[in-house]
Amino acid sequence: MSALAVARVRQGLIVSGADLSVAAFADIPDEAIERAILHGDALHSCGAVVVEDPAVAPYVRMVRGTPDSVAGMPLALLHELLGPYARRFKA
């Protein structure tokens, strides 16, 4: 679950929303986990697993959501939130 809030304080504008993405995995062998840790991306991931990591990708069984949403920054939601207010949020 990712939540976003965008504010333009001077104008009193605050918009927010949430986005759900899901990834399901088969059992991941210890060797694959160790390779993923050595690769380093897992150390910079909110969920500690990067579905695109070559060590982990063979064990991904299902992904629901856009790649950016699964990674933790739902850009479609951001565009949706900013859409009606885009001009007001410009500097």
Protein backbone atom coordinates (compact mmCIF):
# COMPACT_ATOMS: atom_id res chain seq x y z
CA MET A 1 0.00 0.00 0.00
CA SER A 2 1.37 3.38 -0.99
CA ALA A 3 -0.13 6.66 0.11
CA LEU A 4 0.57 10.05 -1.37
CA ALA A 5 -0.26 13.55 -0.22
CA VAL A 6 0.60 16.66 -2.17
CA ALA A 7 0.30 20.09 -0.61
CA ARG A 8 0.61 23.66 -1.71
CA VAL A 9 0.56 25.24 1.73
CA ARG A 10 0.26 28.89 0.70
CA GLN A 11 -2.85 28.12 -1.30
CA GLY A 12 -4.30 25.72 1.25
CA LEU A 13 -4.38 22.85 -1.24
CA ILE A 14 -3.91 19.30 -0.02
CA VAL A 15 -4.83 16.25 -2.07
CA SER A 16 -4.19 12.66 -1.06
CA GLY A 17 -4.87 9.10 -2.11
CA ALA A 18 -3.75 5.51 -1.76
CA ASP A 19 -2.71 2.81 -4.20
CA LEU A 20 -2.57 -0.94 -3.65
CA SER A 21 -0.15 -3.18 -5.50
CA VAL A 22 0.42 -6.88 -4.89
CA ALA A 23 3.27 -9.24 -5.67
CA ALA A 24 3.13 -12.96 -4.93
CA PHE A 25 6.11 -15.28 -4.94
CA ALA A 26 6.76 -18.98 -4.96
CA ASP A 27 9.17 -20.23 -2.31
CA ILE A 28 12.44 -18.41 -2.90
CA PRO A 29 15.50 -20.58 -2.21
CA ASP A 30 18.11 -19.27 0.22
CA GLU A 31 20.67 -19.09 -2.62
CA ALA A 32 18.43 -16.73 -4.60
CA ILE A 33 17.90 -14.55 -1.54
CA GLU A 34 21.65 -14.39 -0.96
CA ARG A 35 22.23 -13.40 -4.62
CA ALA A 36 19.57 -10.69 -4.33
CA ILE A 37 21.22 -9.32 -1.19
CA LEU A 38 24.65 -9.32 -2.85
CA HIS A 39 23.18 -7.49 -5.86
CA GLY A 40 22.15 -4.74 -3.43
CA ASP A 41 18.75 -3.63 -4.74
CA ALA A 42 16.96 -5.37 -1.88
CA LEU A 43 18.74 -3.08 0.56
CA HIS A 44 17.02 -0.06 -1.05
CA SER A 45 13.52 -1.50 -1.40
CA CYS A 46 10.53 -0.76 0.80
CA GLY A 47 9.52 -4.41 0.75
CA ALA A 48 13.09 -5.76 0.72
CA VAL A 49 12.35 -7.62 -2.53
CA VAL A 50 12.69 -6.18 -6.01
CA VAL A 51 10.49 -8.15 -8.41
CA GLU A 52 12.81 -7.30 -11.34
CA ASP A 53 15.92 -8.61 -9.57
CA PRO A 54 17.31 -11.44 -11.74
CA ALA A 55 17.79 -13.62 -8.66
CA VAL A 56 14.15 -13.21 -7.59
CA ALA A 57 12.27 -12.75 -10.89
CA PRO A 58 11.97 -16.50 -11.65
CA TYR A 59 9.96 -16.91 -8.44
CA VAL A 60 7.45 -14.12 -9.09
CA ARG A 61 4.04 -15.70 -9.60
CA MET A 62 1.82 -12.64 -9.81
CA VAL A 63 2.15 -8.87 -9.89
CA ARG A 64 -0.84 -6.55 -9.72
CA GLY A 65 -0.12 -2.88 -10.22
CA THR A 66 2.14 -0.82 -12.40
CA PRO A 67 5.92 -1.24 -12.05
CA ASP A 68 6.25 2.17 -10.41
CA SER A 69 3.45 1.35 -8.00
CA VAL A 70 5.01 -1.98 -7.07
CA ALA A 71 8.30 -0.14 -6.50
CA GLY A 72 6.55 2.23 -4.10
CA MET A 73 5.91 5.43 -6.09
CA PRO A 74 2.55 5.20 -7.86
CA LEU A 75 2.98 7.75 -10.63
CA ALA A 76 -0.53 7.21 -12.02
CA LEU A 77 -1.95 8.17 -8.63
CA LEU A 78 0.30 11.23 -8.50
CA HIS A 79 -0.92 12.36 -11.93
CA GLU A 80 -4.51 11.70 -10.86
CA LEU A 81 -4.08 13.78 -7.71
CA LEU A 82 -2.39 16.63 -9.52
CA GLY A 83 -4.66 16.57 -12.57
CA PRO A 84 -7.35 19.04 -11.44
CA TYR A 85 -4.79 21.21 -9.66
CA ALA A 86 -1.76 21.00 -11.97
CA ARG A 87 -1.68 24.73 -12.74
CA ARG A 88 -2.02 25.63 -9.08
CA PHE A 89 0.88 23.40 -8.03
CA LYS A 90 3.36 25.02 -10.43
CA ALA A 91 5.90 27.29 -8.80
